[in-house]
Amino acid sequence: MGKLALKNWSSREIVKFLKKNGFLEIKKRKRSTGDHCCLFDEKTKAYTEIDMGHRSFSAREMLAISKQSGVKREEWVK
């Protein structure tokens, strides 16, 4: 159920979830290029980039994003 539950999140849903879990958006001109959104958690020093051009992310991509963020998988599945 873990991998399947992480399937088909939109980029906006991911950014909203990460911001709810303590991530802040880094200014685009400093780190990201194009349509990527850079998010950083000052407490855990976790950094991840989200491609805002994606309609939905596969289970493999979601697993990579969840590992980069450091947010427990159980939180993503809720």
C-alpha atoms as a PDB file:
ATOM      1  CA  MET A   1       0.000   0.000   0.000  1.00  0.00           C
ATOM      2  CA  GLY A   2       2.906   2.414   0.660  1.00  0.00           C
ATOM      3  CA  LYS A   3       4.159   2.907  -2.891  1.00  0.00           C
ATOM      4  CA  LEU A   4       0.703   2.857  -4.432  1.00  0.00           C
ATOM      5  CA  ALA A   5      -0.588   5.477  -2.002  1.00  0.00           C
ATOM      6  CA  LEU A   6       2.190   7.845  -3.092  1.00  0.00           C
ATOM      7  CA  LYS A   7       1.081   7.718  -6.723  1.00  0.00           C
ATOM      8  CA  ASN A   8      -0.511  10.550  -8.725  1.00  0.00           C
ATOM      9  CA  TRP A   9       0.219  13.599  -6.566  1.00  0.00           C
ATOM     10  CA  SER A  10       0.261  16.882  -8.457  1.00  0.00           C
ATOM     11  CA  SER A  11       3.143  19.310  -8.027  1.00  0.00           C
ATOM     12  CA  ARG A  12       0.861  21.795  -6.247  1.00  0.00           C
ATOM     13  CA  GLU A  13      -0.257  19.114  -3.771  1.00  0.00           C
ATOM     14  CA  ILE A  14       3.368  18.220  -3.011  1.00  0.00           C
ATOM     15  CA  VAL A  15       4.394  21.844  -2.431  1.00  0.00           C
ATOM     16  CA  LYS A  16       1.335  22.454  -0.223  1.00  0.00           C
ATOM     17  CA  PHE A  17       2.097  19.302   1.814  1.00  0.00           C
ATOM     18  CA  LEU A  18       5.769  20.182   2.266  1.00  0.00           C
ATOM     19  CA  LYS A  19       4.983  23.762   3.301  1.00  0.00           C
ATOM     20  CA  LYS A  20       2.524  22.371   5.850  1.00  0.00           C
ATOM     21  CA  ASN A  21       5.369  20.223   7.199  1.00  0.00           C
ATOM     22  CA  GLY A  22       7.810  23.084   7.772  1.00  0.00           C
ATOM     23  CA  PHE A  23       9.430  23.642   4.374  1.00  0.00           C
ATOM     24  CA  LEU A  24       9.976  27.124   2.999  1.00  0.00           C
ATOM     25  CA  GLU A  25      10.204  28.093  -0.653  1.00  0.00           C
ATOM     26  CA  ILE A  26      13.636  29.397  -1.585  1.00  0.00           C
ATOM     27  CA  LYS A  27      13.709  32.379  -3.925  1.00  0.00           C
ATOM     28  CA  LYS A  28      13.648  31.063  -7.456  1.00  0.00           C
ATOM     29  CA  ARG A  29      16.389  33.249  -8.840  1.00  0.00           C
ATOM     30  CA  LYS A  30      18.897  31.956  -6.290  1.00  0.00           C
ATOM     31  CA  ARG A  31      18.641  28.203  -6.774  1.00  0.00           C
ATOM     32  CA  SER A  32      16.096  27.012  -9.315  1.00  0.00           C
ATOM     33  CA  THR A  33      15.721  27.421 -13.011  1.00  0.00           C
ATOM     34  CA  GLY A  34      12.689  27.161 -15.243  1.00  0.00           C
ATOM     35  CA  ASP A  35       9.557  25.833 -13.652  1.00  0.00           C
ATOM     36  CA  HIS A  36      11.137  24.176 -10.595  1.00  0.00           C
ATOM     37  CA  CYS A  37      10.180  25.064  -7.034  1.00  0.00           C
ATOM     38  CA  CYS A  38      12.952  24.735  -4.443  1.00  0.00           C
ATOM     39  CA  LEU A  39      11.940  23.908  -0.888  1.00  0.00           C
ATOM     40  CA  PHE A  40      14.139  23.873   2.216  1.00  0.00           C
ATOM     41  CA  ASP A  41      13.483  22.840   5.809  1.00  0.00           C
ATOM     42  CA  GLU A  42      15.741  24.820   8.153  1.00  0.00           C
ATOM     43  CA  LYS A  43      15.170  22.446  11.070  1.00  0.00           C
ATOM     44  CA  THR A  44      16.256  19.249   9.280  1.00  0.00           C
ATOM     45  CA  LYS A  45      18.377  20.920   6.568  1.00  0.00           C
ATOM     46  CA  ALA A  46      16.443  18.907   3.960  1.00  0.00           C
ATOM     47  CA  TYR A  47      16.253  20.274   0.413  1.00  0.00           C
ATOM     48  CA  THR A  48      14.135  19.176  -2.518  1.00  0.00           C
ATOM     49  CA  GLU A  49      13.161  20.523  -5.938  1.00  0.00           C
ATOM     50  CA  ILE A  50       9.726  20.009  -7.439  1.00  0.00           C
ATOM     51  CA  ASP A  51       9.127  20.276 -11.182  1.00  0.00           C
ATOM     52  CA  MET A  52       5.977  22.372 -11.399  1.00  0.00           C
ATOM     53  CA  GLY A  53       5.451  21.314 -15.029  1.00  0.00           C
ATOM     54  CA  HIS A  54       4.444  17.757 -14.050  1.00  0.00           C
ATOM     55  CA  ARG A  55       0.753  16.902 -14.036  1.00  0.00           C
ATOM     56  CA  SER A  56       1.281  13.972 -11.669  1.00  0.00           C
ATOM     57  CA  PHE A  57       4.231  12.057 -10.262  1.00  0.00           C
ATOM     58  CA  SER A  58       4.793   8.307 -10.457  1.00  0.00           C
ATOM     59  CA  ALA A  59       5.283   6.170  -7.361  1.00  0.00           C
ATOM     60  CA  ARG A  60       9.049   6.059  -7.991  1.00  0.00           C
ATOM     61  CA  GLU A  61       9.303   9.856  -8.256  1.00  0.00           C
ATOM     62  CA  MET A  62       7.182  10.289  -5.131  1.00  0.00           C
ATOM     63  CA  LEU A  63       9.401   7.865  -3.232  1.00  0.00           C
ATOM     64  CA  ALA A  64      12.472   9.912  -4.203  1.00  0.00           C
ATOM     65  CA  ILE A  65      10.801  13.181  -3.153  1.00  0.00           C
ATOM     66  CA  SER A  66       9.698  11.697   0.176  1.00  0.00           C
ATOM     67  CA  LYS A  67      13.244  10.479   0.887  1.00  0.00           C
ATOM     68  CA  GLN A  68      14.756  13.863  -0.018  1.00  0.00           C
ATOM     69  CA  SER A  69      12.293  15.679   2.220  1.00  0.00           C
ATOM     70  CA  GLY A  70      12.949  13.502   5.245  1.00  0.00           C
ATOM     71  CA  VAL A  71       9.226  13.475   6.072  1.00  0.00           C
ATOM     72  CA  LYS A  72       8.176  10.014   7.218  1.00  0.00           C
ATOM     73  CA  ARG A  73       6.349   7.931   4.643  1.00  0.00           C
ATOM     74  CA  GLU A  74       3.386   7.508   7.012  1.00  0.00           C
ATOM     75  CA  GLU A  75       2.806  11.277   6.871  1.00  0.00           C
ATOM     76  CA  TRP A  76       2.641  11.165   3.071  1.00  0.00           C
ATOM     77  CA  VAL A  77       0.100   8.339   3.100  1.00  0.00           C
ATOM     78  CA  LYS A  78      -2.336   9.955   5.582  1.00  0.00           C
END
